[in-house]
Amino acid sequence: MNKKISFSLLILLLSLLVGFTFIPHKKELSFNEYQEKKHSGETFYVVLKKKNCSDCQDFEKLLQAPKQVYYVELTNKETMKEWSTFIRENKVLHVPSMFKIMICQIKLE
């Protein structure tokens, strides 16, 4: 009986490890980090969101992005100020908004 429990726990642990491997990585992104990544030529995704936004929470649960996803939390006034030029230049009217950042190009997803 003890072997069955040990084997079941091992299978559960392996399943969790494999499952977490395929979850898209999500990370908060500062404006300085955004500038560095943009100039490095790396392709990545930026999601603008607000903490108390139910649409943002639903979007985050459904998001299945193939590459690196970075989140910008716009609830904070300081963050809004840092990102105001990006928001204005890309005509962001609502959140969540997702952008694919590529070399010299920003594309609304």
N, C-alpha and C. Protein backbone atom coordinates (compact mmCIF):
# COMPACT_ATOMS: atom_id res chain seq x y z
N MET A 1 0.82 -1.19 0.00
CA MET A 1 0.00 0.00 0.00
C MET A 1 0.87 1.26 0.00
N ASN A 2 1.95 1.24 0.74
CA ASN A 2 2.85 2.37 0.82
C ASN A 2 3.49 2.67 -0.54
N LYS A 3 3.79 1.63 -1.31
CA LYS A 3 4.38 1.81 -2.64
C LYS A 3 3.40 2.50 -3.58
N LYS A 4 2.11 2.18 -3.46
CA LYS A 4 1.10 2.80 -4.31
C LYS A 4 0.99 4.29 -4.02
N ILE A 5 1.02 4.65 -2.76
CA ILE A 5 0.95 6.06 -2.38
C ILE A 5 2.19 6.80 -2.86
N SER A 6 3.35 6.21 -2.67
CA SER A 6 4.60 6.83 -3.12
C SER A 6 4.61 7.01 -4.63
N PHE A 7 4.17 5.98 -5.34
CA PHE A 7 4.12 6.05 -6.80
C PHE A 7 3.13 7.13 -7.25
N SER A 8 1.97 7.21 -6.61
CA SER A 8 0.96 8.22 -6.95
C SER A 8 1.49 9.63 -6.70
N LEU A 9 2.18 9.82 -5.60
CA LEU A 9 2.76 11.13 -5.30
C LEU A 9 3.84 11.50 -6.31
N LEU A 10 4.63 10.54 -6.72
CA LEU A 10 5.67 10.78 -7.72
C LEU A 10 5.04 11.20 -9.05
N ILE A 11 4.00 10.50 -9.47
CA ILE A 11 3.30 10.84 -10.72
C ILE A 11 2.69 12.24 -10.63
N LEU A 12 2.07 12.57 -9.50
CA LEU A 12 1.48 13.89 -9.30
C LEU A 12 2.54 14.98 -9.38
N LEU A 13 3.66 14.77 -8.72
CA LEU A 13 4.75 15.74 -8.74
C LEU A 13 5.30 15.94 -10.15
N LEU A 14 5.52 14.87 -10.87
CA LEU A 14 6.00 14.97 -12.26
C LEU A 14 4.99 15.69 -13.15
N SER A 15 3.72 15.42 -12.95
CA SER A 15 2.67 16.08 -13.74
C SER A 15 2.68 17.58 -13.49
N LEU A 16 2.83 17.98 -12.24
CA LEU A 16 2.88 19.40 -11.91
C LEU A 16 4.10 20.07 -12.52
N LEU A 17 5.25 19.42 -12.45
CA LEU A 17 6.47 19.98 -13.03
C LEU A 17 6.34 20.16 -14.54
N VAL A 18 5.81 19.17 -15.22
CA VAL A 18 5.63 19.25 -16.67
C VAL A 18 4.61 20.33 -17.00
N GLY A 19 3.53 20.41 -16.24
CA GLY A 19 2.50 21.42 -16.47
C GLY A 19 3.03 22.83 -16.34
N PHE A 20 3.83 23.09 -15.30
CA PHE A 20 4.38 24.43 -15.10
C PHE A 20 5.40 24.80 -16.16
N THR A 21 6.01 23.83 -16.78
CA THR A 21 6.99 24.09 -17.84
C THR A 21 6.33 24.72 -19.06
N PHE A 22 5.08 24.38 -19.33
CA PHE A 22 4.41 24.86 -20.53
C PHE A 22 3.53 26.07 -20.30
N ILE A 23 3.51 26.62 -19.10
CA ILE A 23 2.76 27.84 -18.83
C ILE A 23 3.58 29.02 -19.33
N PRO A 24 2.99 29.93 -20.11
CA PRO A 24 3.76 31.09 -20.58
C PRO A 24 4.29 31.89 -19.39
N HIS A 25 5.53 32.34 -19.50
CA HIS A 25 6.14 33.11 -18.43
C HIS A 25 5.59 34.53 -18.43
N LYS A 26 5.12 34.98 -17.28
CA LYS A 26 4.58 36.33 -17.16
C LYS A 26 5.40 37.10 -16.14
N LYS A 27 5.77 38.29 -16.47
CA LYS A 27 6.62 39.07 -15.59
C LYS A 27 6.22 40.54 -15.68
N GLU A 28 6.32 41.24 -14.55
CA GLU A 28 6.10 42.69 -14.55
C GLU A 28 7.24 43.34 -15.33
N LEU A 29 6.94 44.44 -16.00
CA LEU A 29 7.93 45.11 -16.84
C LEU A 29 7.96 46.59 -16.51
N SER A 30 9.13 47.09 -16.14
CA SER A 30 9.29 48.53 -15.91
C SER A 30 9.52 49.20 -17.26
N PHE A 31 9.37 50.51 -17.30
CA PHE A 31 9.57 51.22 -18.56
C PHE A 31 11.03 51.14 -19.00
N ASN A 32 11.96 51.18 -18.05
CA ASN A 32 13.39 51.07 -18.39
C ASN A 32 13.70 49.70 -18.98
N GLU A 33 13.12 48.64 -18.40
CA GLU A 33 13.32 47.29 -18.95
C GLU A 33 12.73 47.20 -20.35
N TYR A 34 11.57 47.83 -20.54
CA TYR A 34 10.94 47.84 -21.87
C TYR A 34 11.88 48.48 -22.89
N GLN A 35 12.44 49.63 -22.54
CA GLN A 35 13.35 50.34 -23.46
C GLN A 35 14.56 49.46 -23.82
N GLU A 36 15.14 48.81 -22.82
CA GLU A 36 16.30 47.94 -23.06
C GLU A 36 15.95 46.78 -23.98
N LYS A 37 14.82 46.13 -23.71
CA LYS A 37 14.40 44.98 -24.53
C LYS A 37 14.09 45.42 -25.95
N LYS A 38 13.42 46.55 -26.09
CA LYS A 38 13.05 47.06 -27.41
C LYS A 38 14.31 47.33 -28.25
N HIS A 39 15.31 47.93 -27.63
CA HIS A 39 16.54 48.26 -28.36
C HIS A 39 17.45 47.06 -28.58
N SER A 40 17.20 45.97 -27.86
CA SER A 40 18.02 44.76 -28.03
C SER A 40 17.62 43.96 -29.26
N GLY A 41 16.46 44.29 -29.83
CA GLY A 41 15.99 43.56 -31.00
C GLY A 41 15.19 42.32 -30.68
N GLU A 42 14.96 42.08 -29.41
CA GLU A 42 14.19 40.91 -28.97
C GLU A 42 12.70 41.11 -29.29
N THR A 43 12.03 40.05 -29.69
CA THR A 43 10.58 40.09 -29.89
C THR A 43 9.91 39.63 -28.60
N PHE A 44 8.96 40.42 -28.11
CA PHE A 44 8.27 40.08 -26.87
C PHE A 44 6.88 40.72 -26.86
N TYR A 45 6.08 40.33 -25.90
CA TYR A 45 4.71 40.84 -25.77
C TYR A 45 4.58 41.67 -24.51
N VAL A 46 3.81 42.77 -24.61
CA VAL A 46 3.52 43.62 -23.46
C VAL A 46 2.01 43.70 -23.31
N VAL A 47 1.54 43.43 -22.10
CA VAL A 47 0.11 43.54 -21.79
C VAL A 47 -0.06 44.67 -20.78
N LEU A 48 -0.84 45.68 -21.16
CA LEU A 48 -1.17 46.76 -20.25
C LEU A 48 -2.45 46.37 -19.53
N LYS A 49 -2.44 46.49 -18.20
CA LYS A 49 -3.61 46.06 -17.43
C LYS A 49 -3.72 46.89 -16.16
N LYS A 50 -4.85 46.72 -15.47
CA LYS A 50 -5.06 47.34 -14.16
C LYS A 50 -5.50 46.26 -13.19
N LYS A 51 -5.06 46.40 -11.96
CA LYS A 51 -5.29 45.38 -10.93
C LYS A 51 -6.77 45.08 -10.71
N ASN A 52 -7.62 46.08 -10.61
CA ASN A 52 -9.03 45.87 -10.28
C ASN A 52 -9.92 45.75 -11.51
N CYS A 53 -9.35 45.51 -12.66
CA CYS A 53 -10.10 45.40 -13.92
C CYS A 53 -10.50 43.94 -14.14
N SER A 54 -11.80 43.68 -14.13
CA SER A 54 -12.27 42.29 -14.30
C SER A 54 -11.95 41.77 -15.70
N ASP A 55 -12.01 42.64 -16.72
CA ASP A 55 -11.65 42.21 -18.07
C ASP A 55 -10.17 41.80 -18.13
N CYS A 56 -9.34 42.53 -17.41
CA CYS A 56 -7.90 42.21 -17.38
C CYS A 56 -7.66 40.85 -16.73
N GLN A 57 -8.38 40.59 -15.65
CA GLN A 57 -8.23 39.31 -14.96
C GLN A 57 -8.70 38.16 -15.85
N ASP A 58 -9.82 38.35 -16.54
CA ASP A 58 -10.32 37.31 -17.46
C ASP A 58 -9.34 37.08 -18.60
N PHE A 59 -8.81 38.18 -19.15
CA PHE A 59 -7.85 38.10 -20.25
C PHE A 59 -6.61 37.32 -19.83
N GLU A 60 -6.12 37.62 -18.63
CA GLU A 60 -4.90 36.95 -18.14
C GLU A 60 -5.11 35.45 -18.00
N LYS A 61 -6.30 35.04 -17.57
CA LYS A 61 -6.61 33.61 -17.42
C LYS A 61 -6.64 32.91 -18.78
N LEU A 62 -7.11 33.63 -19.82
CA LEU A 62 -7.27 33.03 -21.14
C LEU A 62 -6.03 33.13 -22.02
N LEU A 63 -5.08 33.97 -21.64
CA LEU A 63 -3.92 34.23 -22.47
C LEU A 63 -3.10 32.98 -22.71
N GLN A 64 -2.85 32.69 -23.96
CA GLN A 64 -2.01 31.55 -24.38
C GLN A 64 -0.96 32.07 -25.35
N ALA A 65 -0.05 32.89 -24.87
CA ALA A 65 0.96 33.48 -25.75
C ALA A 65 2.13 32.52 -25.93
N PRO A 66 2.64 32.42 -27.15
CA PRO A 66 3.73 31.48 -27.43
C PRO A 66 5.10 31.95 -26.95
N LYS A 67 5.25 33.21 -26.71
CA LYS A 67 6.55 33.76 -26.34
C LYS A 67 6.48 34.44 -24.98
N GLN A 68 7.52 35.16 -24.65
CA GLN A 68 7.63 35.88 -23.39
C GLN A 68 6.57 36.97 -23.29
N VAL A 69 5.82 36.97 -22.18
CA VAL A 69 4.78 37.96 -21.94
C VAL A 69 5.18 38.79 -20.73
N TYR A 70 5.15 40.11 -20.88
CA TYR A 70 5.44 41.02 -19.78
C TYR A 70 4.20 41.84 -19.49
N TYR A 71 3.94 42.07 -18.21
CA TYR A 71 2.77 42.82 -17.79
C TYR A 71 3.17 44.18 -17.25
N VAL A 72 2.34 45.17 -17.56
CA VAL A 72 2.52 46.51 -17.03
C VAL A 72 1.26 46.84 -16.24
N GLU A 73 1.41 46.98 -14.95
CA GLU A 73 0.30 47.28 -14.04
C GLU A 73 0.12 48.80 -14.01
N LEU A 74 -0.98 49.29 -14.58
CA LEU A 74 -1.20 50.73 -14.72
C LEU A 74 -2.01 51.34 -13.57
N THR A 75 -2.15 50.65 -12.47
CA THR A 75 -2.90 51.17 -11.33
C THR A 75 -2.13 52.27 -10.62
N ASN A 76 -0.84 52.16 -10.60
CA ASN A 76 0.05 53.09 -9.92
C ASN A 76 0.24 54.37 -10.74
N LYS A 77 0.14 55.55 -10.11
CA LYS A 77 0.29 56.84 -10.82
C LYS A 77 1.68 56.99 -11.43
N GLU A 78 2.69 56.53 -10.72
CA GLU A 78 4.06 56.63 -11.22
C GLU A 78 4.23 55.81 -12.50
N THR A 79 3.67 54.61 -12.51
CA THR A 79 3.75 53.76 -13.70
C THR A 79 3.00 54.40 -14.86
N MET A 80 1.84 54.97 -14.58
CA MET A 80 1.07 55.66 -15.63
C MET A 80 1.89 56.79 -16.24
N LYS A 81 2.58 57.53 -15.39
CA LYS A 81 3.40 58.64 -15.88
C LYS A 81 4.53 58.13 -16.77
N GLU A 82 5.22 57.06 -16.32
CA GLU A 82 6.33 56.49 -17.10
C GLU A 82 5.85 56.01 -18.48
N TRP A 83 4.68 55.39 -18.51
CA TRP A 83 4.17 54.78 -19.74
C TRP A 83 3.28 55.71 -20.55
N SER A 84 3.09 56.96 -20.13
CA SER A 84 2.15 57.86 -20.80
C SER A 84 2.48 58.09 -22.27
N THR A 85 3.75 58.21 -22.61
CA THR A 85 4.13 58.40 -24.01
C THR A 85 3.78 57.18 -24.84
N PHE A 86 4.09 55.99 -24.33
CA PHE A 86 3.75 54.74 -25.02
C PHE A 86 2.23 54.66 -25.23
N ILE A 87 1.48 54.97 -24.19
CA ILE A 87 0.01 54.91 -24.24
C ILE A 87 -0.52 55.88 -25.30
N ARG A 88 0.00 57.10 -25.30
CA ARG A 88 -0.44 58.12 -26.26
C ARG A 88 -0.04 57.75 -27.69
N GLU A 89 1.21 57.36 -27.90
CA GLU A 89 1.69 57.03 -29.25
C GLU A 89 0.97 55.83 -29.85
N ASN A 90 0.56 54.89 -29.01
CA ASN A 90 -0.09 53.68 -29.50
C ASN A 90 -1.61 53.72 -29.36
N LYS A 91 -2.10 54.91 -29.01
CA LYS A 91 -3.55 55.16 -28.93
C LYS A 91 -4.28 54.11 -28.09
N VAL A 92 -3.73 53.85 -26.91
CA VAL A 92 -4.36 52.89 -26.00
C VAL A 92 -5.59 53.56 -25.40
N LEU A 93 -6.76 52.96 -25.63
CA LEU A 93 -8.01 53.52 -25.13
C LEU A 93 -8.59 52.71 -23.98
N HIS A 94 -8.16 51.48 -23.83
CA HIS A 94 -8.71 50.62 -22.78
C HIS A 94 -7.70 49.55 -22.39
N VAL A 95 -7.96 48.94 -21.27
CA VAL A 95 -7.17 47.79 -20.84
C VAL A 95 -8.11 46.60 -20.68
N PRO A 96 -7.64 45.41 -20.90
CA PRO A 96 -6.27 45.07 -21.26
C PRO A 96 -5.98 45.38 -22.72
N SER A 97 -4.74 45.72 -22.99
CA SER A 97 -4.24 45.91 -24.35
C SER A 97 -2.94 45.14 -24.47
N MET A 98 -2.81 44.39 -25.55
CA MET A 98 -1.61 43.57 -25.74
C MET A 98 -0.88 44.02 -27.00
N PHE A 99 0.44 44.15 -26.88
CA PHE A 99 1.27 44.59 -27.99
C PHE A 99 2.40 43.59 -28.22
N LYS A 100 2.70 43.36 -29.48
CA LYS A 100 3.86 42.56 -29.86
C LYS A 100 4.95 43.55 -30.23
N ILE A 101 6.07 43.49 -29.53
CA ILE A 101 7.18 44.41 -29.76
C ILE A 101 8.24 43.68 -30.57
N MET A 102 8.55 44.24 -31.74
CA MET A 102 9.56 43.65 -32.62
C MET A 102 10.56 44.74 -32.98
N ILE A 103 11.59 44.39 -33.68
CA ILE A 103 12.61 45.36 -34.07
C ILE A 103 11.94 46.52 -34.81
N CYS A 104 12.07 47.72 -34.24
CA CYS A 104 11.55 48.95 -34.84
C CYS A 104 10.06 48.91 -35.16
N GLN A 105 9.30 48.09 -34.48
CA GLN A 105 7.88 47.98 -34.80
C GLN A 105 7.10 47.58 -33.55
N ILE A 106 5.96 48.24 -33.34
CA ILE A 106 5.05 47.89 -32.26
C ILE A 106 3.73 47.56 -32.90
N LYS A 107 3.21 46.39 -32.59
CA LYS A 107 1.99 45.91 -33.24
C LYS A 107 0.95 45.57 -32.18
N LEU A 108 -0.24 46.14 -32.31
CA LEU A 108 -1.35 45.81 -31.42
C LEU A 108 -1.81 44.41 -31.73
N GLU A 109 -1.88 43.55 -30.71
CA GLU A 109 -2.30 42.16 -30.91
C GLU A 109 -3.77 42.02 -30.61
